[in-house]
Amino acid sequence: MRALEHSLPLKLLMAREAVMERFRPHLLAAGVTEQQWRVLRALCEADEAEAGELAEAICLKMPSLSRILADLSGEGLINRRNGTEDRRLRLVSITEKGRALVAKMARHSEKEYAQIQNAVGAGAYAVLMNDLQATIDKLNSLNQPAPD
């Protein structure tokens, strides 16, 4: 077995923690969990999202997303409704109150991104983002069935 220092899952977790340590205090101060923030951020980029697609896009399991959506709906930050043609679909959108919260938090978030980019270098940051996406794409392609 490879040495722990060469464990890809562990390195990715360590990188995530190093990044999230910078964002967590602001999220806590706003009364938003990391998962709730991911939901709100994603909904700001879409007029409306189907819950299953949203869960996949932000790396949440449906049971967790369902609980989070109930909480966010109770706070008046999102709206939920059933699809018109397929009543089994659960559609989610962000409210004006939710957009205002994201806009308020985005200023701090962008400051943190700027500090991260300054610390690692803009070029290295861009390479990192590209390399991460390429890795995700390649690993996801391993899970796809081979064409006949």
Protein backbone atom coordinates (compact mmCIF):
# COMPACT_ATOMS: atom_id res chain seq x y z
CA MET A 1 0.00 0.00 0.00
CA ARG A 2 1.24 3.47 -0.81
CA ALA A 3 2.42 5.73 1.98
CA LEU A 4 -0.25 7.87 3.63
CA GLU A 5 1.42 11.04 2.33
CA HIS A 6 0.68 9.79 -1.20
CA SER A 7 -3.00 9.01 -0.56
CA LEU A 8 -5.01 10.94 -3.13
CA PRO A 9 -8.26 10.89 -1.10
CA LEU A 10 -6.42 12.16 1.97
CA LYS A 11 -4.62 14.93 0.04
CA LEU A 12 -7.92 16.04 -1.48
CA LEU A 13 -9.54 16.13 1.97
CA MET A 14 -6.60 18.09 3.35
CA ALA A 15 -6.84 20.57 0.49
CA ARG A 16 -10.59 20.91 1.03
CA GLU A 17 -10.08 21.57 4.73
CA ALA A 18 -7.36 24.15 4.05
CA VAL A 19 -9.75 25.99 1.73
CA MET A 20 -12.87 25.63 3.87
CA GLU A 21 -11.08 26.93 6.98
CA ARG A 22 -11.04 30.26 5.18
CA PHE A 23 -14.77 30.21 4.38
CA ARG A 24 -16.28 28.44 7.43
CA PRO A 25 -16.22 31.38 9.88
CA HIS A 26 -18.16 33.58 7.47
CA LEU A 27 -20.69 30.83 6.78
CA LEU A 28 -21.17 30.23 10.51
CA ALA A 29 -21.59 33.96 11.14
CA ALA A 30 -24.33 34.06 8.50
CA GLY A 31 -26.02 30.98 9.99
CA VAL A 32 -25.48 28.93 6.83
CA THR A 33 -23.97 25.45 6.68
CA GLU A 34 -21.47 24.49 3.99
CA GLN A 35 -24.09 22.33 2.30
CA GLN A 36 -26.74 25.07 2.45
CA TRP A 37 -24.26 27.48 0.90
CA ARG A 38 -23.62 25.08 -1.98
CA VAL A 39 -27.37 24.86 -2.61
CA LEU A 40 -27.83 28.64 -2.55
CA ARG A 41 -24.76 29.25 -4.75
CA ALA A 42 -25.95 26.73 -7.33
CA LEU A 43 -29.48 28.13 -7.40
CA CYS A 44 -28.14 31.63 -8.02
CA GLU A 45 -26.78 30.36 -11.32
CA ALA A 46 -30.04 28.74 -12.42
CA ASP A 47 -33.57 30.09 -12.55
CA GLU A 48 -34.82 26.73 -11.35
CA ALA A 49 -33.25 23.30 -10.82
CA GLU A 50 -34.58 19.78 -10.53
CA ALA A 51 -33.63 18.42 -7.10
CA GLY A 52 -31.87 15.30 -8.43
CA GLU A 53 -29.75 17.32 -10.86
CA LEU A 54 -28.99 19.84 -8.13
CA ALA A 55 -27.86 17.08 -5.77
CA GLU A 56 -25.50 15.71 -8.41
CA ALA A 57 -24.14 19.14 -9.34
CA ILE A 58 -23.20 20.00 -5.75
CA CYS A 59 -22.15 16.53 -4.54
CA LEU A 60 -24.97 15.87 -2.09
CA LYS A 61 -27.00 12.71 -1.58
CA MET A 62 -30.75 13.15 -2.10
CA PRO A 63 -31.72 12.42 1.53
CA SER A 64 -29.33 15.15 2.71
CA LEU A 65 -30.53 17.56 0.03
CA SER A 66 -34.17 16.94 0.97
CA ARG A 67 -33.47 17.91 4.59
CA ILE A 68 -31.46 20.96 3.52
CA LEU A 69 -34.20 22.09 1.12
CA ALA A 70 -36.77 21.83 3.89
CA ASP A 71 -34.59 23.98 6.16
CA LEU A 72 -33.89 26.58 3.45
CA SER A 73 -37.56 26.69 2.50
CA GLY A 74 -38.51 27.22 6.15
CA GLU A 75 -36.11 30.17 6.25
CA GLY A 76 -37.73 31.64 3.12
CA LEU A 77 -34.48 31.31 1.13
CA ILE A 78 -35.80 28.92 -1.53
CA ASN A 79 -39.06 27.83 -3.12
CA ARG A 80 -39.98 24.24 -3.92
CA ARG A 81 -42.65 22.95 -6.25
CA ASN A 82 -43.59 19.83 -8.14
CA GLY A 83 -43.08 19.66 -11.90
CA THR A 84 -46.14 20.47 -14.00
CA GLU A 85 -45.83 17.59 -16.47
CA ASP A 86 -44.12 15.09 -14.16
CA ARG A 87 -45.41 15.60 -10.63
CA ARG A 88 -42.62 13.36 -9.29
CA LEU A 89 -40.03 16.01 -10.16
CA ARG A 90 -39.15 18.41 -7.39
CA LEU A 91 -38.17 21.84 -8.71
CA VAL A 92 -36.24 24.31 -6.59
CA SER A 93 -35.57 28.02 -7.02
CA ILE A 94 -33.98 30.71 -4.89
CA THR A 95 -36.07 33.53 -3.45
CA GLU A 96 -35.17 37.21 -3.40
CA LYS A 97 -34.28 36.79 0.27
CA GLY A 98 -31.94 33.96 -0.71
CA ARG A 99 -30.38 36.04 -3.48
CA ALA A 100 -29.83 38.92 -1.06
CA LEU A 101 -28.05 36.60 1.38
CA VAL A 102 -25.82 35.22 -1.37
CA ALA A 103 -25.04 38.73 -2.64
CA LYS A 104 -24.11 39.82 0.89
CA MET A 105 -21.92 36.76 1.43
CA ALA A 106 -20.38 36.88 -2.06
CA ARG A 107 -18.31 39.96 -1.20
CA HIS A 108 -16.50 38.07 1.56
CA SER A 109 -16.25 34.95 -0.57
CA GLU A 110 -14.57 36.84 -3.39
CA LYS A 111 -12.07 38.36 -0.94
CA GLU A 112 -11.14 34.85 0.19
CA TYR A 113 -10.78 33.67 -3.41
CA ALA A 114 -8.50 36.63 -4.11
CA GLN A 115 -6.33 35.78 -1.09
CA ILE A 116 -6.13 32.14 -2.15
CA GLN A 117 -5.17 33.12 -5.69
CA ASN A 118 -2.56 35.54 -4.37
CA ALA A 119 -1.13 32.87 -2.05
CA VAL A 120 -0.79 30.17 -4.72
CA GLY A 121 -0.42 32.46 -7.72
CA ALA A 122 -3.03 33.21 -10.37
CA GLY A 123 -1.38 30.93 -12.91
CA ALA A 124 -1.05 28.03 -10.49
CA TYR A 125 -4.68 28.54 -9.44
CA ALA A 126 -5.85 28.36 -13.05
CA VAL A 127 -3.75 25.24 -13.67
CA LEU A 128 -5.11 23.66 -10.49
CA MET A 129 -8.71 24.30 -11.52
CA ASN A 130 -8.07 22.88 -15.00
CA ASP A 131 -6.22 19.85 -13.63
CA LEU A 132 -8.96 19.13 -11.10
CA GLN A 133 -11.65 19.31 -13.79
CA ALA A 134 -9.61 17.08 -16.12
CA THR A 135 -9.14 14.57 -13.29
CA ILE A 136 -12.86 14.61 -12.49
CA ASP A 137 -13.73 14.11 -16.17
CA LYS A 138 -11.27 11.25 -16.61
CA LEU A 139 -12.35 9.45 -13.45
CA ASN A 140 -16.02 9.91 -14.32
CA SER A 141 -15.37 8.43 -17.77
CA LEU A 142 -14.07 5.27 -16.08
CA ASN A 143 -17.54 4.83 -14.60
CA GLN A 144 -19.25 5.06 -17.99
CA PRO A 145 -20.05 1.85 -19.83
CA ALA A 146 -17.86 1.23 -22.87
CA PRO A 147 -19.60 1.83 -26.22
CA ASP A 148 -20.66 -1.31 -28.09
